[in-house]
Structures are given as structure tokens and as C-alpha cells.
Amino acid sequence: AWLAREKGVSDRLRTRTWSGQSMGSEFSWLTGSASWVLESLGLGDLARVMSQVTRDTLERTQLDGLLALWHPR
């Protein structure tokens, strides 16, 4: 209703429900490999810190919903 009223988008526009992959899933192989190497070298603490930093960064940069497609001014 808001898009129709404010932006002139037709009320009859078809919508689709879409669920994407989990956040950061495209990098899971890389982070997993890096963690394994660090653990193997006895740097488990560093592996855990890097994993947490990666998750935090992905959460902060994640776009959601319409913001991923439409950026209001």
C-alpha cells in the first residue's frame, strides 16, 4: 500500500517470497579452511577471534529486503 500511495507502484504488482542463503555462506569454505589451518598451527584462539570478527563484519554489512534492491534518497 505504501509503495502504491507514495511511489505510484501498482497495487496489482505480483510479489514473490524469496529466501536467500544464510549470511556469509559463500565464504564458508574459506573461513573453515583458515580456521583449520590456524587450529593445526596451535593458534586456536586466533582462529576463534577471526571467526567472530568475520561474523560481526558480515552482520554489519548485510542488506535486507527492499534495501538490497532499492535505495531511498
PDB file of N, CA and C in Angstrom:
ATOM      1  N   ALA A   1       0.817  -1.188   0.000  1.00  0.00           N
ATOM      2  CA  ALA A   1       0.000   0.000   0.000  1.00  0.00           C
ATOM      3  C   ALA A   1       0.871   1.266   0.000  1.00  0.00           C
ATOM      4  N   TRP A   2       1.954   1.248   0.769  1.00  0.00           N
ATOM      5  CA  TRP A   2       2.805   2.427   0.839  1.00  0.00           C
ATOM      6  C   TRP A   2       3.451   2.711  -0.511  1.00  0.00           C
ATOM      7  N   LEU A   3       3.950   1.673  -1.181  1.00  0.00           N
ATOM      8  CA  LEU A   3       4.575   1.891  -2.488  1.00  0.00           C
ATOM      9  C   LEU A   3       3.570   2.433  -3.497  1.00  0.00           C
ATOM     10  N   ALA A   4       2.351   1.947  -3.443  1.00  0.00           N
ATOM     11  CA  ALA A   4       1.323   2.442  -4.363  1.00  0.00           C
ATOM     12  C   ALA A   4       0.999   3.899  -4.060  1.00  0.00           C
ATOM     13  N   ARG A   5       0.827   4.209  -2.809  1.00  0.00           N
ATOM     14  CA  ARG A   5       0.434   5.563  -2.407  1.00  0.00           C
ATOM     15  C   ARG A   5       1.570   6.574  -2.609  1.00  0.00           C
ATOM     16  N   GLU A   6       2.761   6.234  -2.177  1.00  0.00           N
ATOM     17  CA  GLU A   6       3.869   7.192  -2.179  1.00  0.00           C
ATOM     18  C   GLU A   6       4.702   7.198  -3.458  1.00  0.00           C
ATOM     19  N   LYS A   7       4.804   6.044  -4.108  1.00  0.00           N
ATOM     20  CA  LYS A   7       5.711   5.935  -5.251  1.00  0.00           C
ATOM     21  C   LYS A   7       5.022   5.580  -6.554  1.00  0.00           C
ATOM     22  N   GLY A   8       3.710   5.408  -6.513  1.00  0.00           N
ATOM     23  CA  GLY A   8       2.971   5.125  -7.733  1.00  0.00           C
ATOM     24  C   GLY A   8       3.157   3.718  -8.281  1.00  0.00           C
ATOM     25  N   VAL A   9       3.587   2.783  -7.445  1.00  0.00           N
ATOM     26  CA  VAL A   9       3.744   1.391  -7.872  1.00  0.00           C
ATOM     27  C   VAL A   9       2.372   0.732  -7.841  1.00  0.00           C
ATOM     28  N   SER A  10       2.042  -0.004  -8.877  1.00  0.00           N
ATOM     29  CA  SER A  10       0.727  -0.626  -8.990  1.00  0.00           C
ATOM     30  C   SER A  10       0.451  -1.584  -7.835  1.00  0.00           C
ATOM     31  N   ASP A  11      -0.783  -1.521  -7.301  1.00  0.00           N
ATOM     32  CA  ASP A  11      -1.219  -2.469  -6.270  1.00  0.00           C
ATOM     33  C   ASP A  11      -1.284  -3.888  -6.818  1.00  0.00           C
ATOM     34  N   ARG A  12      -1.372  -4.017  -8.116  1.00  0.00           N
ATOM     35  CA  ARG A  12      -1.518  -5.327  -8.749  1.00  0.00           C
ATOM     36  C   ARG A  12      -0.170  -5.991  -9.046  1.00  0.00           C
ATOM     37  N   LEU A  13       0.898  -5.323  -8.694  1.00  0.00           N
ATOM     38  CA  LEU A  13       2.227  -5.880  -8.919  1.00  0.00           C
ATOM     39  C   LEU A  13       2.372  -7.200  -8.164  1.00  0.00           C
ATOM     40  N   ARG A  14       2.783  -8.240  -8.884  1.00  0.00           N
ATOM     41  CA  ARG A  14       2.965  -9.547  -8.254  1.00  0.00           C
ATOM     42  C   ARG A  14       4.206  -9.528  -7.366  1.00  0.00           C
ATOM     43  N   THR A  15       4.121 -10.208  -6.259  1.00  0.00           N
ATOM     44  CA  THR A  15       5.262 -10.312  -5.354  1.00  0.00           C
ATOM     45  C   THR A  15       5.648 -11.773  -5.196  1.00  0.00           C
ATOM     46  N   ARG A  16       6.882 -11.980  -4.821  1.00  0.00           N
ATOM     47  CA  ARG A  16       7.386 -13.326  -4.569  1.00  0.00           C
ATOM     48  C   ARG A  16       8.094 -13.341  -3.228  1.00  0.00           C
ATOM     49  N   THR A  17       7.896 -14.405  -2.508  1.00  0.00           N
ATOM     50  CA  THR A  17       8.632 -14.599  -1.271  1.00  0.00           C
ATOM     51  C   THR A  17       9.922 -15.321  -1.626  1.00  0.00           C
ATOM     52  N   TRP A  18      11.032 -14.775  -1.207  1.00  0.00           N
ATOM     53  CA  TRP A  18      12.325 -15.333  -1.565  1.00  0.00           C
ATOM     54  C   TRP A  18      13.170 -15.485  -0.306  1.00  0.00           C
ATOM     55  N   SER A  19      13.800 -16.604  -0.182  1.00  0.00           N
ATOM     56  CA  SER A  19      14.725 -16.842   0.925  1.00  0.00           C
ATOM     57  C   SER A  19      16.096 -17.119   0.338  1.00  0.00           C
ATOM     58  N   GLY A  20      17.048 -16.318   0.738  1.00  0.00           N
ATOM     59  CA  GLY A  20      18.407 -16.488   0.242  1.00  0.00           C
ATOM     60  C   GLY A  20      19.200 -17.436   1.121  1.00  0.00           C
ATOM     61  N   GLN A  21      20.456 -17.587   0.784  1.00  0.00           N
ATOM     62  CA  GLN A  21      21.349 -18.412   1.589  1.00  0.00           C
ATOM     63  C   GLN A  21      21.615 -17.715   2.907  1.00  0.00           C
ATOM     64  N   SER A  22      22.136 -18.470   3.840  1.00  0.00           N
ATOM     65  CA  SER A  22      22.462 -17.865   5.117  1.00  0.00           C
ATOM     66  C   SER A  22      23.600 -16.862   4.933  1.00  0.00           C
ATOM     67  N   MET A  23      23.670 -15.917   5.833  1.00  0.00           N
ATOM     68  CA  MET A  23      24.631 -14.840   5.744  1.00  0.00           C
ATOM     69  C   MET A  23      26.063 -15.374   5.718  1.00  0.00           C
ATOM     70  N   GLY A  24      26.808 -14.992   4.718  1.00  0.00           N
ATOM     71  CA  GLY A  24      28.207 -15.365   4.617  1.00  0.00           C
ATOM     72  C   GLY A  24      28.453 -16.770   4.123  1.00  0.00           C
ATOM     73  N   SER A  25      27.411 -17.463   3.674  1.00  0.00           N
ATOM     74  CA  SER A  25      27.583 -18.861   3.271  1.00  0.00           C
ATOM     75  C   SER A  25      28.521 -19.010   2.076  1.00  0.00           C
ATOM     76  N   GLU A  26      28.635 -17.971   1.254  1.00  0.00           N
ATOM     77  CA  GLU A  26      29.523 -18.071   0.096  1.00  0.00           C
ATOM     78  C   GLU A  26      30.994 -18.092   0.498  1.00  0.00           C
ATOM     79  N   PHE A  27      31.288 -17.714   1.738  1.00  0.00           N
ATOM     80  CA  PHE A  27      32.671 -17.711   2.214  1.00  0.00           C
ATOM     81  C   PHE A  27      32.951 -18.814   3.226  1.00  0.00           C
ATOM     82  N   SER A  28      32.000 -19.710   3.442  1.00  0.00           N
ATOM     83  CA  SER A  28      32.161 -20.713   4.499  1.00  0.00           C
ATOM     84  C   SER A  28      33.378 -21.608   4.259  1.00  0.00           C
ATOM     85  N   TRP A  29      33.652 -21.942   3.008  1.00  0.00           N
ATOM     86  CA  TRP A  29      34.811 -22.795   2.725  1.00  0.00           C
ATOM     87  C   TRP A  29      36.111 -22.094   3.089  1.00  0.00           C
ATOM     88  N   LEU A  30      36.162 -20.783   2.854  1.00  0.00           N
ATOM     89  CA  LEU A  30      37.378 -20.023   3.131  1.00  0.00           C
ATOM     90  C   LEU A  30      37.598 -19.866   4.634  1.00  0.00           C
ATOM     91  N   THR A  31      36.550 -19.483   5.340  1.00  0.00           N
ATOM     92  CA  THR A  31      36.695 -19.301   6.783  1.00  0.00           C
ATOM     93  C   THR A  31      36.959 -20.635   7.474  1.00  0.00           C
ATOM     94  N   GLY A  32      36.315 -21.696   6.980  1.00  0.00           N
ATOM     95  CA  GLY A  32      36.562 -23.020   7.550  1.00  0.00           C
ATOM     96  C   GLY A  32      37.996 -23.477   7.340  1.00  0.00           C
ATOM     97  N   SER A  33      38.518 -23.244   6.146  1.00  0.00           N
ATOM     98  CA  SER A  33      39.904 -23.625   5.841  1.00  0.00           C
ATOM     99  C   SER A  33      40.894 -22.826   6.680  1.00  0.00           C
ATOM    100  N   ALA A  34      40.657 -21.534   6.790  1.00  0.00           N
ATOM    101  CA  ALA A  34      41.551 -20.685   7.584  1.00  0.00           C
ATOM    102  C   ALA A  34      41.531 -21.113   9.051  1.00  0.00           C
ATOM    103  N   SER A  35      40.348 -21.418   9.568  1.00  0.00           N
ATOM    104  CA  SER A  35      40.247 -21.871  10.959  1.00  0.00           C
ATOM    105  C   SER A  35      40.989 -23.183  11.160  1.00  0.00           C
ATOM    106  N   TRP A  36      40.848 -24.100  10.221  1.00  0.00           N
ATOM    107  CA  TRP A  36      41.519 -25.398  10.324  1.00  0.00           C
ATOM    108  C   TRP A  36      43.037 -25.218  10.339  1.00  0.00           C
ATOM    109  N   VAL A  37      43.544 -24.373   9.446  1.00  0.00           N
ATOM    110  CA  VAL A  37      44.994 -24.140   9.384  1.00  0.00           C
ATOM    111  C   VAL A  37      45.485 -23.526  10.692  1.00  0.00           C
ATOM    112  N   LEU A  38      44.781 -22.517  11.184  1.00  0.00           N
ATOM    113  CA  LEU A  38      45.203 -21.871  12.427  1.00  0.00           C
ATOM    114  C   LEU A  38      45.145 -22.837  13.606  1.00  0.00           C
ATOM    115  N   GLU A  39      44.084 -23.645  13.672  1.00  0.00           N
ATOM    116  CA  GLU A  39      43.979 -24.655  14.735  1.00  0.00           C
ATOM    117  C   GLU A  39      45.141 -25.643  14.638  1.00  0.00           C
ATOM    118  N   SER A  40      45.475 -26.064  13.421  1.00  0.00           N
ATOM    119  CA  SER A  40      46.566 -27.025  13.211  1.00  0.00           C
ATOM    120  C   SER A  40      47.912 -26.461  13.654  1.00  0.00           C
ATOM    121  N   LEU A  41      48.051 -25.152  13.548  1.00  0.00           N
ATOM    122  CA  LEU A  41      49.299 -24.496  13.949  1.00  0.00           C
ATOM    123  C   LEU A  41      49.310 -24.134  15.430  1.00  0.00           C
ATOM    124  N   GLY A  42      48.268 -24.544  16.143  1.00  0.00           N
ATOM    125  CA  GLY A  42      48.197 -24.238  17.570  1.00  0.00           C
ATOM    126  C   GLY A  42      47.713 -22.832  17.860  1.00  0.00           C
ATOM    127  N   LEU A  43      47.058 -22.222  16.896  1.00  0.00           N
ATOM    128  CA  LEU A  43      46.573 -20.847  17.052  1.00  0.00           C
ATOM    129  C   LEU A  43      45.045 -20.820  17.134  1.00  0.00           C
ATOM    130  N   GLY A  44      44.506 -21.692  17.978  1.00  0.00           N
ATOM    131  CA  GLY A  44      43.055 -21.800  18.106  1.00  0.00           C
ATOM    132  C   GLY A  44      42.393 -20.515  18.565  1.00  0.00           C
ATOM    133  N   ASP A  45      43.050 -19.803  19.489  1.00  0.00           N
ATOM    134  CA  ASP A  45      42.475 -18.537  19.958  1.00  0.00           C
ATOM    135  C   ASP A  45      42.356 -17.531  18.819  1.00  0.00           C
ATOM    136  N   LEU A  46      43.386 -17.452  18.000  1.00  0.00           N
ATOM    137  CA  LEU A  46      43.353 -16.546  16.851  1.00  0.00           C
ATOM    138  C   LEU A  46      42.261 -16.966  15.870  1.00  0.00           C
ATOM    139  N   ALA A  47      42.102 -18.264  15.669  1.00  0.00           N
ATOM    140  CA  ALA A  47      41.056 -18.764  14.769  1.00  0.00           C
ATOM    141  C   ALA A  47      39.675 -18.345  15.264  1.00  0.00           C
ATOM    142  N   ARG A  48      39.443 -18.449  16.564  1.00  0.00           N
ATOM    143  CA  ARG A  48      38.140 -18.063  17.121  1.00  0.00           C
ATOM    144  C   ARG A  48      37.897 -16.557  17.001  1.00  0.00           C
ATOM    145  N   VAL A  49      38.934 -15.762  17.244  1.00  0.00           N
ATOM    146  CA  VAL A  49      38.792 -14.307  17.115  1.00  0.00           C
ATOM    147  C   VAL A  49      38.491 -13.931  15.665  1.00  0.00           C
ATOM    148  N   MET A  50      39.227 -14.517  14.730  1.00  0.00           N
ATOM    149  CA  MET A  50      38.997 -14.208  13.313  1.00  0.00           C
ATOM    150  C   MET A  50      37.598 -14.632  12.878  1.00  0.00           C
ATOM    151  N   SER A  51      37.135 -15.764  13.372  1.00  0.00           N
ATOM    152  CA  SER A  51      35.795 -16.236  13.034  1.00  0.00           C
ATOM    153  C   SER A  51      34.736 -15.267  13.554  1.00  0.00           C
ATOM    154  N   GLN A  52      34.911 -14.786  14.779  1.00  0.00           N
ATOM    155  CA  GLN A  52      33.953 -13.843  15.360  1.00  0.00           C
ATOM    156  C   GLN A  52      33.974 -12.512  14.612  1.00  0.00           C
ATOM    157  N   VAL A  53      35.155 -12.024  14.274  1.00  0.00           N
ATOM    158  CA  VAL A  53      35.270 -10.768  13.527  1.00  0.00           C
ATOM    159  C   VAL A  53      34.591 -10.897  12.168  1.00  0.00           C
ATOM    160  N   THR A  54      34.778 -12.036  11.519  1.00  0.00           N
ATOM    161  CA  THR A  54      34.138 -12.273  10.220  1.00  0.00           C
ATOM    162  C   THR A  54      32.625 -12.240  10.352  1.00  0.00           C
ATOM    163  N   ARG A  55      32.081 -12.940  11.355  1.00  0.00           N
ATOM    164  CA  ARG A  55      30.628 -12.941  11.568  1.00  0.00           C
ATOM    165  C   ARG A  55      30.108 -11.536  11.860  1.00  0.00           C
ATOM    166  N   ASP A  56      30.811 -10.801  12.728  1.00  0.00           N
ATOM    167  CA  ASP A  56      30.379  -9.439  13.072  1.00  0.00           C
ATOM    168  C   ASP A  56      30.380  -8.535  11.848  1.00  0.00           C
ATOM    169  N   THR A  57      31.417  -8.644  11.029  1.00  0.00           N
ATOM    170  CA  THR A  57      31.513  -7.819   9.820  1.00  0.00           C
ATOM    171  C   THR A  57      30.385  -8.138   8.856  1.00  0.00           C
ATOM    172  N   LEU A  58      30.105  -9.413   8.648  1.00  0.00           N
ATOM    173  CA  LEU A  58      29.018  -9.805   7.748  1.00  0.00           C
ATOM    174  C   LEU A  58      27.667  -9.314   8.253  1.00  0.00           C
ATOM    175  N   GLU A  59      27.450  -9.352   9.559  1.00  0.00           N
ATOM    176  CA  GLU A  59      26.187  -8.863  10.117  1.00  0.00           C
ATOM    177  C   GLU A  59      26.025  -7.364   9.889  1.00  0.00           C
ATOM    178  N   ARG A  60      27.109  -6.607  10.034  1.00  0.00           N
ATOM    179  CA  ARG A  60      27.021  -5.157   9.866  1.00  0.00           C
ATOM    180  C   ARG A  60      26.808  -4.747   8.419  1.00  0.00           C
ATOM    181  N   THR A  61      27.310  -5.538   7.491  1.00  0.00           N
ATOM    182  CA  THR A  61      27.224  -5.154   6.085  1.00  0.00           C
ATOM    183  C   THR A  61      26.052  -5.797   5.358  1.00  0.00           C
ATOM    184  N   GLN A  62      25.280  -6.593   6.059  1.00  0.00           N
ATOM    185  CA  GLN A  62      24.158  -7.301   5.440  1.00  0.00           C
ATOM    186  C   GLN A  62      23.039  -6.322   5.075  1.00  0.00           C
ATOM    187  N   LEU A  63      22.606  -6.340   3.819  1.00  0.00           N
ATOM    188  CA  LEU A  63      21.434  -5.585   3.396  1.00  0.00           C
ATOM    189  C   LEU A  63      20.235  -6.513   3.443  1.00  0.00           C
ATOM    190  N   ASP A  64      19.078  -5.961   3.742  1.00  0.00           N
ATOM    191  CA  ASP A  64      17.903  -6.797   3.911  1.00  0.00           C
ATOM    192  C   ASP A  64      16.740  -6.230   3.110  1.00  0.00           C
ATOM    193  N   GLY A  65      15.913  -7.110   2.606  1.00  0.00           N
ATOM    194  CA  GLY A  65      14.661  -6.726   1.965  1.00  0.00           C
ATOM    195  C   GLY A  65      14.841  -5.763   0.819  1.00  0.00           C
ATOM    196  N   LEU A  66      13.963  -4.763   0.789  1.00  0.00           N
ATOM    197  CA  LEU A  66      13.971  -3.800  -0.306  1.00  0.00           C
ATOM    198  C   LEU A  66      15.253  -2.984  -0.374  1.00  0.00           C
ATOM    199  N   LEU A  67      15.926  -2.818   0.748  1.00  0.00           N
ATOM    200  CA  LEU A  67      17.163  -2.036   0.713  1.00  0.00           C
ATOM    201  C   LEU A  67      18.215  -2.679  -0.176  1.00  0.00           C
ATOM    202  N   ALA A  68      18.134  -3.979  -0.355  1.00  0.00           N
ATOM    203  CA  ALA A  68      19.087  -4.654  -1.228  1.00  0.00           C
ATOM    204  C   ALA A  68      18.847  -4.303  -2.693  1.00  0.00           C
ATOM    205  N   LEU A  69      17.620  -3.904  -3.025  1.00  0.00           N
ATOM    206  CA  LEU A  69      17.259  -3.611  -4.412  1.00  0.00           C
ATOM    207  C   LEU A  69      16.992  -2.138  -4.661  1.00  0.00           C
ATOM    208  N   TRP A  70      16.505  -1.452  -3.652  1.00  0.00           N
ATOM    209  CA  TRP A  70      16.052  -0.078  -3.818  1.00  0.00           C
ATOM    210  C   TRP A  70      16.645   0.767  -2.708  1.00  0.00           C
ATOM    211  N   HIS A  71      17.345   1.797  -3.060  1.00  0.00           N
ATOM    212  CA  HIS A  71      17.982   2.657  -2.077  1.00  0.00           C
ATOM    213  C   HIS A  71      17.283   4.013  -2.063  1.00  0.00           C
ATOM    214  N   PRO A  72      16.448   4.275  -1.045  1.00  0.00           N
ATOM    215  CA  PRO A  72      15.736   5.557  -0.996  1.00  0.00           C
ATOM    216  C   PRO A  72      16.708   6.717  -0.825  1.00  0.00           C
ATOM    217  N   ARG A  73      16.320   7.861  -1.318  1.00  0.00           N
ATOM    218  CA  ARG A  73      17.178   9.048  -1.194  1.00  0.00           C
ATOM    219  C   ARG A  73      16.847   9.825   0.039  1.00  0.00           C
TER     220      ARG A  73
END
